[in-house]
Amino acid sequence: MTKILYAVPGIGLDKQELSRRMNILNSFATPPNIVVVEAVEQGPESIECFYDEYISIPNTLRLIAKAEREGYDAAIIGCFGDPGIEAAREIASIPIIGPGETSLLFAATLGHKFSILTVLKNVFPTLEKIADGLGVSKKIASMKEVGLRVLELSSDIERTKKRLLEIGREAVEEDDADALILGCMSEAFLRLDKELEKELRVPVVNPVAVSVKMAEALVAMQLTHSKKAYSLPHPVEL
């Protein structure tokens, strides 16, 4: 059995929503593998800019360090911006999955160009940084904003779906995108990807699904990140 931590770096989700998300994560896991959701106790409500990202990192690292001590096999950072992923890989030996990284890599294999449908323009620089680090910047056809804050996405799902369809159609028809990515975990947990695929007739990458599958695959193949790349020059306690 593979046990995966989904570490939520913000405090804006109530217990009911965390439980709902855990059920969705486990719907993508292959039994008897399980995904456990745990949120930080202190941090931003959601992550929509570099400031939110940076203040979320210390407590997220503590969650991941605790998970490894408790015998988890892998951890997913529960934000599309992958906050603190480099530091997490330095302090941990288990595979650390970034939904942003993983989604961009998957999308890069699905066509010549892909577009990212995210919440606000504020997060575009974070997404550009991830793409640059992976070497897939040339594969980005465009980045589009829904124009809603993270915690507003689920307040009117039909409105969110309408906006995703609008900007998704722009990306496909005007920007020549061959595939789309839901560039926010709160978008992904609405599970609109298959409806968007049917309407827009291109693959839509759901970062929830690909993160779980990447974690399972790395554990199954006994692979993890390189300690040559992610090493600490001194001991650290978290």
C-alpha atoms as a PDB file:
ATOM      1  CA  MET A   1       0.000   0.000   0.000  1.00  0.00           C
ATOM      2  CA  THR A   2       1.224   3.502  -0.895  1.00  0.00           C
ATOM      3  CA  LYS A   3       0.323   6.261   1.561  1.00  0.00           C
ATOM      4  CA  ILE A   4       0.383   9.783   0.130  1.00  0.00           C
ATOM      5  CA  LEU A   5       0.081  13.083   1.991  1.00  0.00           C
ATOM      6  CA  TYR A   6      -1.764  15.939   0.305  1.00  0.00           C
ATOM      7  CA  ALA A   7      -0.408  18.983   2.148  1.00  0.00           C
ATOM      8  CA  VAL A   8      -2.693  22.015   1.934  1.00  0.00           C
ATOM      9  CA  PRO A   9      -0.589  25.183   2.383  1.00  0.00           C
ATOM     10  CA  GLY A  10      -3.524  27.478   3.243  1.00  0.00           C
ATOM     11  CA  ILE A  11      -6.169  27.752   5.959  1.00  0.00           C
ATOM     12  CA  GLY A  12      -9.191  28.836   3.901  1.00  0.00           C
ATOM     13  CA  LEU A  13     -10.878  25.420   3.584  1.00  0.00           C
ATOM     14  CA  ASP A  14     -13.229  24.088   6.265  1.00  0.00           C
ATOM     15  CA  LYS A  15     -13.282  20.478   7.449  1.00  0.00           C
ATOM     16  CA  GLN A  16     -16.161  19.545   5.148  1.00  0.00           C
ATOM     17  CA  GLU A  17     -14.303  20.823   2.077  1.00  0.00           C
ATOM     18  CA  LEU A  18     -11.067  19.120   3.124  1.00  0.00           C
ATOM     19  CA  SER A  19     -12.990  15.860   3.480  1.00  0.00           C
ATOM     20  CA  ARG A  20     -14.626  16.323   0.061  1.00  0.00           C
ATOM     21  CA  ARG A  21     -11.239  16.895  -1.526  1.00  0.00           C
ATOM     22  CA  MET A  22      -9.805  13.828   0.169  1.00  0.00           C
ATOM     23  CA  ASN A  23     -12.606  11.729  -1.337  1.00  0.00           C
ATOM     24  CA  ILE A  24     -11.814  13.095  -4.800  1.00  0.00           C
ATOM     25  CA  LEU A  25      -8.087  12.474  -4.401  1.00  0.00           C
ATOM     26  CA  ASN A  26      -8.768   8.893  -3.367  1.00  0.00           C
ATOM     27  CA  SER A  27     -11.065   8.378  -6.354  1.00  0.00           C
ATOM     28  CA  PHE A  28      -7.933   8.704  -8.514  1.00  0.00           C
ATOM     29  CA  ALA A  29      -5.777   6.435  -6.335  1.00  0.00           C
ATOM     30  CA  THR A  30      -5.457   2.741  -7.122  1.00  0.00           C
ATOM     31  CA  PRO A  31      -6.566   0.635  -4.114  1.00  0.00           C
ATOM     32  CA  PRO A  32      -5.172  -0.116  -1.618  1.00  0.00           C
ATOM     33  CA  ASN A  33      -3.221   3.137  -2.040  1.00  0.00           C
ATOM     34  CA  ILE A  34      -4.593   6.051  -0.010  1.00  0.00           C
ATOM     35  CA  VAL A  35      -4.279   9.822   0.049  1.00  0.00           C
ATOM     36  CA  VAL A  36      -4.593  11.703   3.350  1.00  0.00           C
ATOM     37  CA  VAL A  37      -5.321  15.433   3.371  1.00  0.00           C
ATOM     38  CA  GLU A  38      -3.847  17.685   6.029  1.00  0.00           C
ATOM     39  CA  ALA A  39      -3.815  21.486   6.102  1.00  0.00           C
ATOM     40  CA  VAL A  40      -1.389  23.840   7.790  1.00  0.00           C
ATOM     41  CA  GLU A  41      -2.598  25.408  11.034  1.00  0.00           C
ATOM     42  CA  GLN A  42      -1.215  28.836  10.150  1.00  0.00           C
ATOM     43  CA  GLY A  43      -0.801  30.461   6.763  1.00  0.00           C
ATOM     44  CA  PRO A  44      -2.667  32.389   4.061  1.00  0.00           C
ATOM     45  CA  GLU A  45      -6.312  31.691   3.303  1.00  0.00           C
ATOM     46  CA  SER A  46      -5.317  30.853  -0.272  1.00  0.00           C
ATOM     47  CA  ILE A  47      -2.332  31.431  -2.538  1.00  0.00           C
ATOM     48  CA  GLU A  48      -2.738  34.112  -5.183  1.00  0.00           C
ATOM     49  CA  CYS A  49       0.619  35.916  -5.220  1.00  0.00           C
ATOM     50  CA  PHE A  50       4.275  35.528  -4.231  1.00  0.00           C
ATOM     51  CA  TYR A  51       3.599  36.879  -0.722  1.00  0.00           C
ATOM     52  CA  ASP A  52       0.947  34.219  -0.062  1.00  0.00           C
ATOM     53  CA  GLU A  53       3.286  31.593  -1.476  1.00  0.00           C
ATOM     54  CA  TYR A  54       6.272  32.510   0.660  1.00  0.00           C
ATOM     55  CA  ILE A  55       4.419  32.748   3.977  1.00  0.00           C
ATOM     56  CA  SER A  56       2.837  29.349   3.334  1.00  0.00           C
ATOM     57  CA  ILE A  57       6.137  27.524   2.961  1.00  0.00           C
ATOM     58  CA  PRO A  58       7.501  27.041   6.535  1.00  0.00           C
ATOM     59  CA  ASN A  59       4.405  25.296   7.893  1.00  0.00           C
ATOM     60  CA  THR A  60       4.002  23.259   4.707  1.00  0.00           C
ATOM     61  CA  LEU A  61       7.580  22.007   5.154  1.00  0.00           C
ATOM     62  CA  ARG A  62       6.749  20.991   8.721  1.00  0.00           C
ATOM     63  CA  LEU A  63       3.774  18.972   7.484  1.00  0.00           C
ATOM     64  CA  ILE A  64       5.941  17.186   4.931  1.00  0.00           C
ATOM     65  CA  ALA A  65       8.747  16.474   7.408  1.00  0.00           C
ATOM     66  CA  LYS A  66       6.208  15.035   9.862  1.00  0.00           C
ATOM     67  CA  ALA A  67       4.676  12.887   7.117  1.00  0.00           C
ATOM     68  CA  GLU A  68       8.025  11.330   6.269  1.00  0.00           C
ATOM     69  CA  ARG A  69       8.703  10.593   9.954  1.00  0.00           C
ATOM     70  CA  GLU A  70       5.284   8.918  10.154  1.00  0.00           C
ATOM     71  CA  GLY A  71       6.008   6.622   7.228  1.00  0.00           C
ATOM     72  CA  TYR A  72       4.263   8.278   4.297  1.00  0.00           C
ATOM     73  CA  ASP A  73       5.590   7.161   0.915  1.00  0.00           C
ATOM     74  CA  ALA A  74       5.103  10.442  -0.981  1.00  0.00           C
ATOM     75  CA  ALA A  75       3.703  13.945  -0.566  1.00  0.00           C
ATOM     76  CA  ILE A  76       1.817  16.309  -2.861  1.00  0.00           C
ATOM     77  CA  ILE A  77       2.014  20.058  -2.279  1.00  0.00           C
ATOM     78  CA  GLY A  78      -1.630  21.105  -2.487  1.00  0.00           C
ATOM     79  CA  CYS A  79      -1.255  24.218  -4.616  1.00  0.00           C
ATOM     80  CA  PHE A  80      -0.727  24.557  -8.361  1.00  0.00           C
ATOM     81  CA  GLY A  81       2.121  27.019  -7.772  1.00  0.00           C
ATOM     82  CA  ASP A  82       4.145  24.290  -5.994  1.00  0.00           C
ATOM     83  CA  PRO A  83       5.194  26.608  -3.124  1.00  0.00           C
ATOM     84  CA  GLY A  84       8.444  25.522  -1.476  1.00  0.00           C
ATOM     85  CA  ILE A  85       8.907  22.448  -3.642  1.00  0.00           C
ATOM     86  CA  GLU A  86      12.701  22.824  -3.840  1.00  0.00           C
ATOM     87  CA  ALA A  87      13.018  23.171  -0.060  1.00  0.00           C
ATOM     88  CA  ALA A  88      10.630  20.247   0.493  1.00  0.00           C
ATOM     89  CA  ARG A  89      12.837  18.038  -1.670  1.00  0.00           C
ATOM     90  CA  GLU A  90      15.886  19.158   0.309  1.00  0.00           C
ATOM     91  CA  ILE A  91      14.411  18.131   3.662  1.00  0.00           C
ATOM     92  CA  ALA A  92      12.704  14.924   2.494  1.00  0.00           C
ATOM     93  CA  SER A  93      13.736  11.691   0.835  1.00  0.00           C
ATOM     94  CA  ILE A  94      10.247  10.616  -0.225  1.00  0.00           C
ATOM     95  CA  PRO A  95       8.947  11.836  -3.621  1.00  0.00           C
ATOM     96  CA  ILE A  96       7.549  15.377  -3.428  1.00  0.00           C
ATOM     97  CA  ILE A  97       5.012  16.081  -6.157  1.00  0.00           C
ATOM     98  CA  GLY A  98       4.227  19.559  -7.446  1.00  0.00           C
ATOM     99  CA  PRO A  99       0.866  19.725  -9.247  1.00  0.00           C
ATOM    100  CA  GLY A 100       2.113  22.618 -11.397  1.00  0.00           C
ATOM    101  CA  GLU A 101       5.275  20.843 -12.485  1.00  0.00           C
ATOM    102  CA  THR A 102       3.473  17.575 -13.098  1.00  0.00           C
ATOM    103  CA  SER A 103       0.625  19.145 -15.076  1.00  0.00           C
ATOM    104  CA  LEU A 104       2.961  21.088 -17.359  1.00  0.00           C
ATOM    105  CA  LEU A 105       4.996  17.952 -18.057  1.00  0.00           C
ATOM    106  CA  PHE A 106       1.865  15.938 -18.875  1.00  0.00           C
ATOM    107  CA  ALA A 107       0.433  18.684 -21.085  1.00  0.00           C
ATOM    108  CA  ALA A 108       3.727  19.014 -22.971  1.00  0.00           C
ATOM    109  CA  THR A 109       3.289  15.420 -24.180  1.00  0.00           C
ATOM    110  CA  LEU A 110      -0.291  15.888 -25.394  1.00  0.00           C
ATOM    111  CA  GLY A 111       0.244  18.320 -28.254  1.00  0.00           C
ATOM    112  CA  HIS A 112       2.454  21.021 -29.687  1.00  0.00           C
ATOM    113  CA  LYS A 113       1.124  23.826 -27.449  1.00  0.00           C
ATOM    114  CA  PHE A 114      -0.939  24.069 -24.281  1.00  0.00           C
ATOM    115  CA  SER A 115      -2.713  26.867 -22.415  1.00  0.00           C
ATOM    116  CA  ILE A 116      -3.130  27.296 -18.665  1.00  0.00           C
ATOM    117  CA  LEU A 117      -6.519  28.397 -17.304  1.00  0.00           C
ATOM    118  CA  THR A 118      -5.905  29.918 -13.893  1.00  0.00           C
ATOM    119  CA  VAL A 119      -7.551  32.285 -11.429  1.00  0.00           C
ATOM    120  CA  LEU A 120      -5.887  35.708 -11.665  1.00  0.00           C
ATOM    121  CA  LYS A 121      -3.096  37.409 -13.593  1.00  0.00           C
ATOM    122  CA  ASN A 122      -1.223  37.709 -10.288  1.00  0.00           C
ATOM    123  CA  VAL A 123      -0.175  34.075 -10.574  1.00  0.00           C
ATOM    124  CA  PHE A 124       1.121  34.273 -14.154  1.00  0.00           C
ATOM    125  CA  PRO A 125       4.721  34.991 -12.986  1.00  0.00           C
ATOM    126  CA  THR A 126       4.655  31.889 -10.776  1.00  0.00           C
ATOM    127  CA  LEU A 127       3.500  29.752 -13.694  1.00  0.00           C
ATOM    128  CA  GLU A 128       6.159  31.244 -15.955  1.00  0.00           C
ATOM    129  CA  LYS A 129       8.775  30.403 -13.329  1.00  0.00           C
ATOM    130  CA  ILE A 130       7.645  26.769 -13.195  1.00  0.00           C
ATOM    131  CA  ALA A 131       7.660  26.487 -16.995  1.00  0.00           C
ATOM    132  CA  ASP A 132      11.114  28.048 -17.247  1.00  0.00           C
ATOM    133  CA  GLY A 133      12.474  25.616 -14.656  1.00  0.00           C
ATOM    134  CA  LEU A 134      11.090  22.660 -16.589  1.00  0.00           C
ATOM    135  CA  GLY A 135      12.214  23.942 -19.980  1.00  0.00           C
ATOM    136  CA  VAL A 136       8.698  23.924 -21.457  1.00  0.00           C
ATOM    137  CA  SER A 137       8.104  27.680 -21.830  1.00  0.00           C
ATOM    138  CA  LYS A 138       8.033  27.389 -25.622  1.00  0.00           C
ATOM    139  CA  LYS A 139       5.125  24.969 -25.345  1.00  0.00           C
ATOM    140  CA  ILE A 140       2.834  27.538 -23.695  1.00  0.00           C
ATOM    141  CA  ALA A 141       0.312  28.946 -26.156  1.00  0.00           C
ATOM    142  CA  SER A 142      -1.207  31.288 -23.567  1.00  0.00           C
ATOM    143  CA  MET A 143      -2.242  31.827 -19.971  1.00  0.00           C
ATOM    144  CA  LYS A 144      -5.814  32.871 -19.265  1.00  0.00           C
ATOM    145  CA  GLU A 145      -7.514  34.162 -16.114  1.00  0.00           C
ATOM    146  CA  VAL A 146     -10.967  33.221 -14.883  1.00  0.00           C
ATOM    147  CA  GLY A 147     -11.023  36.534 -13.009  1.00  0.00           C
ATOM    148  CA  LEU A 148     -12.157  35.036  -9.697  1.00  0.00           C
ATOM    149  CA  ARG A 149     -10.261  34.590  -6.458  1.00  0.00           C
ATOM    150  CA  VAL A 150      -9.501  31.029  -5.361  1.00  0.00           C
ATOM    151  CA  LEU A 151     -12.163  30.862  -2.662  1.00  0.00           C
ATOM    152  CA  GLU A 152     -14.813  32.323  -5.014  1.00  0.00           C
ATOM    153  CA  LEU A 153     -14.570  29.522  -7.574  1.00  0.00           C
ATOM    154  CA  SER A 154     -16.963  27.155  -5.791  1.00  0.00           C
ATOM    155  CA  SER A 155     -19.503  29.802  -4.713  1.00  0.00           C
ATOM    156  CA  ASP A 156     -21.118  29.717  -8.165  1.00  0.00           C
ATOM    157  CA  ILE A 157     -19.924  26.650 -10.057  1.00  0.00           C
ATOM    158  CA  GLU A 158     -21.993  27.438 -13.157  1.00  0.00           C
ATOM    159  CA  ARG A 159     -20.373  30.873 -13.366  1.00  0.00           C
ATOM    160  CA  THR A 160     -16.923  29.319 -13.016  1.00  0.00           C
ATOM    161  CA  LYS A 161     -17.731  26.685 -15.638  1.00  0.00           C
ATOM    162  CA  LYS A 162     -18.967  29.373 -18.045  1.00  0.00           C
ATOM    163  CA  ARG A 163     -15.754  31.378 -17.622  1.00  0.00           C
ATOM    164  CA  LEU A 164     -13.569  28.288 -18.070  1.00  0.00           C
ATOM    165  CA  LEU A 165     -15.414  27.469 -21.276  1.00  0.00           C
ATOM    166  CA  GLU A 166     -15.023  31.050 -22.516  1.00  0.00           C
ATOM    167  CA  ILE A 167     -11.297  31.299 -21.894  1.00  0.00           C
ATOM    168  CA  GLY A 168     -10.713  27.695 -22.920  1.00  0.00           C
ATOM    169  CA  ARG A 169     -12.373  28.357 -26.268  1.00  0.00           C
ATOM    170  CA  GLU A 170     -10.238  31.475 -26.722  1.00  0.00           C
ATOM    171  CA  ALA A 171      -7.108  29.437 -26.013  1.00  0.00           C
ATOM    172  CA  VAL A 172      -8.044  26.724 -28.513  1.00  0.00           C
ATOM    173  CA  GLU A 173      -9.479  28.874 -31.312  1.00  0.00           C
ATOM    174  CA  GLU A 174      -7.402  32.056 -31.027  1.00  0.00           C
ATOM    175  CA  ASP A 175      -4.142  30.922 -29.409  1.00  0.00           C
ATOM    176  CA  ASP A 176      -3.948  27.533 -31.145  1.00  0.00           C
ATOM    177  CA  ALA A 177      -3.664  25.493 -27.943  1.00  0.00           C
ATOM    178  CA  ASP A 178      -3.802  21.717 -28.449  1.00  0.00           C
ATOM    179  CA  ALA A 179      -4.377  20.988 -24.754  1.00  0.00           C
ATOM    180  CA  LEU A 180      -5.506  22.851 -21.641  1.00  0.00           C
ATOM    181  CA  ILE A 181      -4.490  22.762 -17.988  1.00  0.00           C
ATOM    182  CA  LEU A 182      -6.684  23.701 -15.037  1.00  0.00           C
ATOM    183  CA  GLY A 183      -4.140  25.969 -13.369  1.00  0.00           C
ATOM    184  CA  CYS A 184      -5.536  26.026  -9.832  1.00  0.00           C
ATOM    185  CA  MET A 185      -6.305  23.170  -7.459  1.00  0.00           C
ATOM    186  CA  SER A 186      -9.646  24.706  -6.469  1.00  0.00           C
ATOM    187  CA  GLU A 187     -10.582  24.698 -10.166  1.00  0.00           C
ATOM    188  CA  ALA A 188      -9.459  21.099 -10.471  1.00  0.00           C
ATOM    189  CA  PHE A 189     -11.499  19.923  -7.477  1.00  0.00           C
ATOM    190  CA  LEU A 190     -14.676  21.124  -9.215  1.00  0.00           C
ATOM    191  CA  ARG A 191     -14.146  18.194 -11.633  1.00  0.00           C
ATOM    192  CA  LEU A 192     -15.157  20.118 -14.731  1.00  0.00           C
ATOM    193  CA  ASP A 193     -12.302  18.804 -16.876  1.00  0.00           C
ATOM    194  CA  LYS A 194     -14.282  16.126 -18.729  1.00  0.00           C
ATOM    195  CA  GLU A 195     -17.110  18.543 -19.509  1.00  0.00           C
ATOM    196  CA  LEU A 196     -14.563  21.006 -20.877  1.00  0.00           C
ATOM    197  CA  GLU A 197     -12.943  18.251 -22.964  1.00  0.00           C
ATOM    198  CA  LYS A 198     -16.273  17.282 -24.476  1.00  0.00           C
ATOM    199  CA  GLU A 199     -17.159  20.872 -25.323  1.00  0.00           C
ATOM    200  CA  LEU A 200     -13.745  22.080 -26.522  1.00  0.00           C
ATOM    201  CA  ARG A 201     -12.492  18.797 -28.034  1.00  0.00           C
ATOM    202  CA  VAL A 202      -8.975  18.977 -26.631  1.00  0.00           C
ATOM    203  CA  PRO A 203      -7.375  17.180 -23.658  1.00  0.00           C
ATOM    204  CA  VAL A 204      -7.790  18.966 -20.319  1.00  0.00           C
ATOM    205  CA  VAL A 205      -5.198  18.143 -17.654  1.00  0.00           C
ATOM    206  CA  ASN A 206      -6.600  17.910 -14.128  1.00  0.00           C
ATOM    207  CA  PRO A 207      -3.725  18.512 -11.664  1.00  0.00           C
ATOM    208  CA  VAL A 208      -5.467  16.491  -8.948  1.00  0.00           C
ATOM    209  CA  ALA A 209      -5.497  13.352 -11.067  1.00  0.00           C
ATOM    210  CA  VAL A 210      -1.995  13.667 -12.516  1.00  0.00           C
ATOM    211  CA  SER A 211      -0.459  14.442  -9.104  1.00  0.00           C
ATOM    212  CA  VAL A 212      -1.889  11.300  -7.534  1.00  0.00           C
ATOM    213  CA  LYS A 213      -0.821   9.175 -10.486  1.00  0.00           C
ATOM    214  CA  MET A 214       2.675  10.654 -10.519  1.00  0.00           C
ATOM    215  CA  ALA A 215       3.079   9.943  -6.804  1.00  0.00           C
ATOM    216  CA  GLU A 216       1.923   6.347  -7.270  1.00  0.00           C
ATOM    217  CA  ALA A 217       4.203   5.840 -10.256  1.00  0.00           C
ATOM    218  CA  LEU A 218       7.341   7.152  -8.545  1.00  0.00           C
ATOM    219  CA  VAL A 219       6.743   5.030  -5.446  1.00  0.00           C
ATOM    220  CA  ALA A 220       6.010   1.933  -7.556  1.00  0.00           C
ATOM    221  CA  MET A 221       9.238   2.427  -9.514  1.00  0.00           C
ATOM    222  CA  GLN A 222      11.213   3.222  -6.348  1.00  0.00           C
ATOM    223  CA  LEU A 223      12.233   6.598  -7.737  1.00  0.00           C
ATOM    224  CA  THR A 224      12.600   9.894  -5.912  1.00  0.00           C
ATOM    225  CA  HIS A 225      14.265  13.239  -6.504  1.00  0.00           C
ATOM    226  CA  SER A 226      18.046  13.411  -6.765  1.00  0.00           C
ATOM    227  CA  LYS A 227      19.874  14.327  -3.595  1.00  0.00           C
ATOM    228  CA  LYS A 228      22.645  15.664  -5.800  1.00  0.00           C
ATOM    229  CA  ALA A 229      20.173  18.255  -7.019  1.00  0.00           C
ATOM    230  CA  TYR A 230      18.312  18.765  -3.726  1.00  0.00           C
ATOM    231  CA  SER A 231      20.785  18.541  -0.848  1.00  0.00           C
ATOM    232  CA  LEU A 232      21.146  20.385   2.442  1.00  0.00           C
ATOM    233  CA  PRO A 233      24.615  21.597   3.455  1.00  0.00           C
ATOM    234  CA  HIS A 234      23.688  21.388   7.132  1.00  0.00           C
ATOM    235  CA  PRO A 235      21.238  19.489   9.412  1.00  0.00           C
ATOM    236  CA  VAL A 236      17.764  20.933   9.916  1.00  0.00           C
ATOM    237  CA  GLU A 237      14.992  20.127  12.386  1.00  0.00           C
ATOM    238  CA  LEU A 238      11.318  20.682  11.552  1.00  0.00           C
END
